[in-house]
PDB file of all heavy atoms in Angstrom:
ATOM      1  N   ALA A   1     177.733  76.749 217.079  1.00  0.00           N
ATOM      2  CA  ALA A   1     178.314  77.167 215.729  1.00  0.00           C
ATOM      3  C   ALA A   1     177.613  76.425 214.710  1.00  0.00           C
ATOM      4  O   ALA A   1     177.422  77.128 213.639  1.00  0.00           O
ATOM      5  CB  ALA A   1     179.856  76.878 215.761  1.00  0.00           C
ATOM      6  N   LEU A   2     177.211  75.279 214.831  1.00  0.00           N
ATOM      7  CA  LEU A   2     176.513  74.487 213.739  1.00  0.00           C
ATOM      8  C   LEU A   2     175.268  75.164 213.537  1.00  0.00           C
ATOM      9  O   LEU A   2     174.725  75.228 212.445  1.00  0.00           O
ATOM     10  CB  LEU A   2     176.368  72.924 214.184  1.00  0.00           C
ATOM     11  CG  LEU A   2     177.527  72.247 214.092  1.00  0.00           C
ATOM     12  CD1 LEU A   2     177.221  70.780 214.761  1.00  0.00           C
ATOM     13  CD2 LEU A   2     178.015  72.055 212.631  1.00  0.00           C
ATOM     14  N   LEU A   3     174.529  75.650 214.646  1.00  0.00           N
ATOM     15  CA  LEU A   3     173.202  76.270 214.435  1.00  0.00           C
ATOM     16  C   LEU A   3     173.291  77.602 213.749  1.00  0.00           C
ATOM     17  O   LEU A   3     172.341  78.029 213.053  1.00  0.00           O
ATOM     18  CB  LEU A   3     172.477  76.388 215.971  1.00  0.00           C
ATOM     19  CG  LEU A   3     172.162  75.016 216.466  1.00  0.00           C
ATOM     20  CD1 LEU A   3     171.605  75.320 217.816  1.00  0.00           C
ATOM     21  CD2 LEU A   3     170.970  74.446 215.645  1.00  0.00           C
ATOM     22  N   LEU A   4     174.423  78.313 213.869  1.00  0.00           N
ATOM     23  CA  LEU A   4     174.532  79.444 213.204  1.00  0.00           C
ATOM     24  C   LEU A   4     174.479  79.313 211.716  1.00  0.00           C
ATOM     25  O   LEU A   4     174.240  80.346 210.897  1.00  0.00           O
ATOM     26  CB  LEU A   4     175.914  80.265 213.582  1.00  0.00           C
ATOM     27  CG  LEU A   4     175.999  80.795 214.923  1.00  0.00           C
ATOM     28  CD1 LEU A   4     177.423  81.351 215.247  1.00  0.00           C
ATOM     29  CD2 LEU A   4     174.928  81.885 215.122  1.00  0.00           C
ATOM     30  N   VAL A   5     174.782  78.151 211.124  1.00  0.00           N
ATOM     31  CA  VAL A   5     174.756  77.963 209.766  1.00  0.00           C
ATOM     32  C   VAL A   5     173.362  78.139 209.089  1.00  0.00           C
ATOM     33  O   VAL A   5     173.168  78.518 207.993  1.00  0.00           O
ATOM     34  CB  VAL A   5     175.422  76.618 209.284  1.00  0.00           C
ATOM     35  CG1 VAL A   5     176.876  76.428 209.619  1.00  0.00           C
ATOM     36  CG2 VAL A   5     174.546  75.430 209.660  1.00  0.00           C
ATOM     37  N   LEU A   6     172.300  77.914 210.037  1.00  0.00           N
ATOM     38  CA  LEU A   6     171.089  78.131 209.599  1.00  0.00           C
ATOM     39  C   LEU A   6     170.758  79.555 209.234  1.00  0.00           C
ATOM     40  O   LEU A   6     170.062  79.749 208.238  1.00  0.00           O
ATOM     41  CB  LEU A   6     170.028  77.559 210.670  1.00  0.00           C
ATOM     42  CG  LEU A   6     170.081  76.085 210.881  1.00  0.00           C
ATOM     43  CD1 LEU A   6     169.041  75.754 211.999  1.00  0.00           C
ATOM     44  CD2 LEU A   6     169.705  75.250 209.619  1.00  0.00           C
ATOM     45  N   THR A   7     171.230  80.455 209.926  1.00  0.00           N
ATOM     46  CA  THR A   7     170.977  81.842 209.732  1.00  0.00           C
ATOM     47  C   THR A   7     171.840  82.264 208.532  1.00  0.00           C
ATOM     48  O   THR A   7     171.329  82.918 207.692  1.00  0.00           O
ATOM     49  CB  THR A   7     171.466  82.576 210.986  1.00  0.00           C
ATOM     50  OG1 THR A   7     170.716  82.361 212.058  1.00  0.00           O
ATOM     51  CG2 THR A   7     171.217  84.184 210.668  1.00  0.00           C
ATOM     52  N   ALA A   8     173.084  81.726 208.454  1.00  0.00           N
ATOM     53  CA  ALA A   8     173.939  82.120 207.371  1.00  0.00           C
ATOM     54  C   ALA A   8     173.470  81.609 206.029  1.00  0.00           C
ATOM     55  O   ALA A   8     173.562  82.257 204.955  1.00  0.00           O
ATOM     56  CB  ALA A   8     175.353  81.687 207.555  1.00  0.00           C
ATOM     57  N   ALA A   9     172.797  80.461 205.941  1.00  0.00           N
ATOM     58  CA  ALA A   9     172.272  79.839 204.845  1.00  0.00           C
ATOM     59  C   ALA A   9     170.943  80.351 204.410  1.00  0.00           C
ATOM     60  O   ALA A   9     170.370  79.949 203.423  1.00  0.00           O
ATOM     61  CB  ALA A   9     172.214  78.208 205.044  1.00  0.00           C
ATOM     62  N   GLY A  10     170.292  81.100 205.300  1.00  0.00           N
ATOM     63  CA  GLY A  10     169.019  81.575 204.937  1.00  0.00           C
ATOM     64  C   GLY A  10     167.958  80.512 205.028  1.00  0.00           C
ATOM     65  O   GLY A  10     166.947  80.559 204.293  1.00  0.00           O
ATOM     66  N   GLU A  11     168.116  79.436 205.805  1.00  0.00           N
ATOM     67  CA  GLU A  11     167.127  78.459 205.741  1.00  0.00           C
ATOM     68  C   GLU A  11     165.732  78.779 206.087  1.00  0.00           C
ATOM     69  O   GLU A  11     164.877  78.204 205.629  1.00  0.00           O
ATOM     70  CB  GLU A  11     167.731  77.239 206.644  1.00  0.00           C
ATOM     71  CG  GLU A  11     168.762  76.434 206.046  1.00  0.00           C
ATOM     72  CD  GLU A  11     168.337  75.750 204.754  1.00  0.00           C
ATOM     73  OE1 GLU A  11     167.297  75.072 204.781  1.00  0.00           O
ATOM     74  OE2 GLU A  11     168.999  75.859 203.804  1.00  0.00           O
ATOM     75  N   ASP A  12     165.611  79.759 207.006  1.00  0.00           N
ATOM     76  CA  ASP A  12     164.328  80.156 207.381  1.00  0.00           C
ATOM     77  C   ASP A  12     163.452  80.643 206.343  1.00  0.00           C
ATOM     78  O   ASP A  12     162.244  80.517 206.249  1.00  0.00           O
ATOM     79  CB  ASP A  12     164.430  81.161 208.576  1.00  0.00           C
ATOM     80  CG  ASP A  12     165.088  80.610 209.681  1.00  0.00           C
ATOM     81  OD1 ASP A  12     165.137  79.376 209.898  1.00  0.00           O
ATOM     82  OD2 ASP A  12     165.726  81.394 210.465  1.00  0.00           O
ATOM     83  N   THR A  13     164.107  81.364 205.238  1.00  0.00           N
ATOM     84  CA  THR A  13     163.318  81.895 204.310  1.00  0.00           C
ATOM     85  C   THR A  13     163.336  81.177 203.011  1.00  0.00           C
ATOM     86  O   THR A  13     162.627  81.344 202.130  1.00  0.00           O
ATOM     87  CB  THR A  13     163.939  83.383 203.854  1.00  0.00           C
ATOM     88  OG1 THR A  13     165.290  83.090 203.621  1.00  0.00           O
ATOM     89  CG2 THR A  13     163.809  84.196 205.147  1.00  0.00           C
ATOM     90  N   HIS A  14     164.159  80.141 202.940  1.00  0.00           N
ATOM     91  CA  HIS A  14     164.254  79.245 201.686  1.00  0.00           C
ATOM     92  C   HIS A  14     163.838  77.849 201.917  1.00  0.00           C
ATOM     93  O   HIS A  14     164.053  76.926 201.128  1.00  0.00           O
ATOM     94  CB  HIS A  14     165.577  79.306 201.113  1.00  0.00           C
ATOM     95  CG  HIS A  14     166.059  80.635 200.763  1.00  0.00           C
ATOM     96  ND1 HIS A  14     166.718  81.555 201.572  1.00  0.00           N
ATOM     97  CD2 HIS A  14     165.768  81.284 199.546  1.00  0.00           C
ATOM     98  CE1 HIS A  14     167.001  82.633 200.844  1.00  0.00           C
ATOM     99  NE2 HIS A  14     166.324  82.555 199.672  1.00  0.00           N
ATOM    100  N   ALA A  15     163.100  77.531 203.082  1.00  0.00           N
ATOM    101  CA  ALA A  15     162.687  76.189 203.297  1.00  0.00           C
ATOM    102  C   ALA A  15     161.662  75.786 202.267  1.00  0.00           C
ATOM    103  O   ALA A  15     160.807  76.582 201.860  1.00  0.00           O
ATOM    104  CB  ALA A  15     162.104  76.114 204.656  1.00  0.00           C
ATOM    105  N   PRO A  16     161.794  74.331 201.891  1.00  0.00           N
ATOM    106  CA  PRO A  16     160.757  73.926 200.818  1.00  0.00           C
ATOM    107  C   PRO A  16     159.332  73.945 201.350  1.00  0.00           C
ATOM    108  O   PRO A  16     159.151  74.055 202.642  1.00  0.00           O
ATOM    109  CB  PRO A  16     161.193  72.566 200.580  1.00  0.00           C
ATOM    110  CG  PRO A  16     162.084  72.161 201.753  1.00  0.00           C
ATOM    111  CD  PRO A  16     162.687  73.426 202.248  1.00  0.00           C
ATOM    112  N   SER A  17     158.414  73.975 200.606  1.00  0.00           N
ATOM    113  CA  SER A  17     156.980  74.062 201.042  1.00  0.00           C
ATOM    114  C   SER A  17     156.493  72.948 202.006  1.00  0.00           C
ATOM    115  O   SER A  17     155.670  73.085 202.757  1.00  0.00           O
ATOM    116  CB  SER A  17     156.065  74.135 199.814  1.00  0.00           C
ATOM    117  OG  SER A  17     156.175  72.826 199.074  1.00  0.00           O
ATOM    118  N   HIS A  18     157.181  71.718 201.895  1.00  0.00           N
ATOM    119  CA  HIS A  18     156.718  70.684 202.823  1.00  0.00           C
ATOM    120  C   HIS A  18     157.457  70.774 204.139  1.00  0.00           C
ATOM    121  O   HIS A  18     157.080  70.089 205.136  1.00  0.00           O
ATOM    122  CB  HIS A  18     157.125  69.384 202.261  1.00  0.00           C
ATOM    123  CG  HIS A  18     158.622  69.077 202.039  1.00  0.00           C
ATOM    124  ND1 HIS A  18     159.245  69.610 200.895  1.00  0.00           N
ATOM    125  CD2 HIS A  18     159.532  68.493 202.875  1.00  0.00           C
ATOM    126  CE1 HIS A  18     160.594  69.181 201.182  1.00  0.00           C
ATOM    127  NE2 HIS A  18     160.709  68.591 202.156  1.00  0.00           N
ATOM    128  N   ALA A  19     158.342  71.710 204.256  1.00  0.00           N
ATOM    129  CA  ALA A  19     159.104  71.886 205.652  1.00  0.00           C
ATOM    130  C   ALA A  19     158.195  72.515 206.669  1.00  0.00           C
ATOM    131  O   ALA A  19     157.239  73.262 206.220  1.00  0.00           O
ATOM    132  CB  ALA A  19     160.330  72.721 205.465  1.00  0.00           C
ATOM    133  N   MET A  20     158.368  72.239 207.809  1.00  0.00           N
ATOM    134  CA  MET A  20     157.568  72.891 208.884  1.00  0.00           C
ATOM    135  C   MET A  20     157.858  74.373 209.053  1.00  0.00           C
ATOM    136  O   MET A  20     159.017  74.822 208.732  1.00  0.00           O
ATOM    137  CB  MET A  20     158.036  72.298 210.371  1.00  0.00           C
ATOM    138  CG  MET A  20     157.724  70.793 210.447  1.00  0.00           C
ATOM    139  SD  MET A  20     156.046  70.358 210.359  1.00  0.00           S
ATOM    140  CE  MET A  20     155.435  70.853 211.820  1.00  0.00           C
ATOM    141  N   ALA A  21     156.832  75.112 209.122  1.00  0.00           N
ATOM    142  CA  ALA A  21     156.996  76.566 209.206  1.00  0.00           C
ATOM    143  C   ALA A  21     157.784  77.137 210.464  1.00  0.00           C
ATOM    144  O   ALA A  21     158.467  78.071 210.380  1.00  0.00           O
ATOM    145  CB  ALA A  21     155.633  77.274 209.088  1.00  0.00           C
ATOM    146  N   LYS A  22     157.571  76.382 211.493  1.00  0.00           N
ATOM    147  CA  LYS A  22     158.338  76.767 212.808  1.00  0.00           C
ATOM    148  C   LYS A  22     159.719  76.316 212.810  1.00  0.00           C
ATOM    149  O   LYS A  22     160.217  75.483 212.157  1.00  0.00           O
ATOM    150  CB  LYS A  22     157.636  75.997 213.942  1.00  0.00           C
ATOM    151  CG  LYS A  22     156.245  76.324 214.271  1.00  0.00           C
ATOM    152  CD  LYS A  22     155.667  75.667 215.360  1.00  0.00           C
ATOM    153  CE  LYS A  22     154.226  75.940 215.558  1.00  0.00           C
ATOM    154  NZ  LYS A  22     153.688  75.220 216.646  1.00  0.00           N
ATOM    155  N   GLU A  23     160.503  77.158 213.555  1.00  0.00           N
ATOM    156  CA  GLU A  23     161.944  76.827 213.761  1.00  0.00           C
ATOM    157  C   GLU A  23     162.119  75.475 214.356  1.00  0.00           C
ATOM    158  O   GLU A  23     161.281  75.142 215.352  1.00  0.00           O
ATOM    159  CB  GLU A  23     162.580  77.816 214.707  1.00  0.00           C
ATOM    160  CG  GLU A  23     162.984  79.044 214.005  1.00  0.00           C
ATOM    161  CD  GLU A  23     164.054  78.744 212.877  1.00  0.00           C
ATOM    162  OE1 GLU A  23     165.157  78.344 213.251  1.00  0.00           O
ATOM    163  OE2 GLU A  23     163.741  79.035 211.667  1.00  0.00           O
ATOM    164  N   PRO A  24     163.033  74.706 214.089  1.00  0.00           N
ATOM    165  CA  PRO A  24     163.335  73.365 214.685  1.00  0.00           C
ATOM    166  C   PRO A  24     163.709  73.609 216.183  1.00  0.00           C
ATOM    167  O   PRO A  24     164.366  74.503 216.452  1.00  0.00           O
ATOM    168  CB  PRO A  24     164.379  72.703 213.840  1.00  0.00           C
ATOM    169  CG  PRO A  24     164.996  73.787 213.206  1.00  0.00           C
ATOM    170  CD  PRO A  24     164.084  74.898 213.096  1.00  0.00           C
TER     171      PRO A  24
END
């Protein structure tokens, strides 16, 4: 359930430029 928040928050498309491009 905690991991589902990443999809809901759109983290994959809104990660800052210094973040790793790959999924954690």
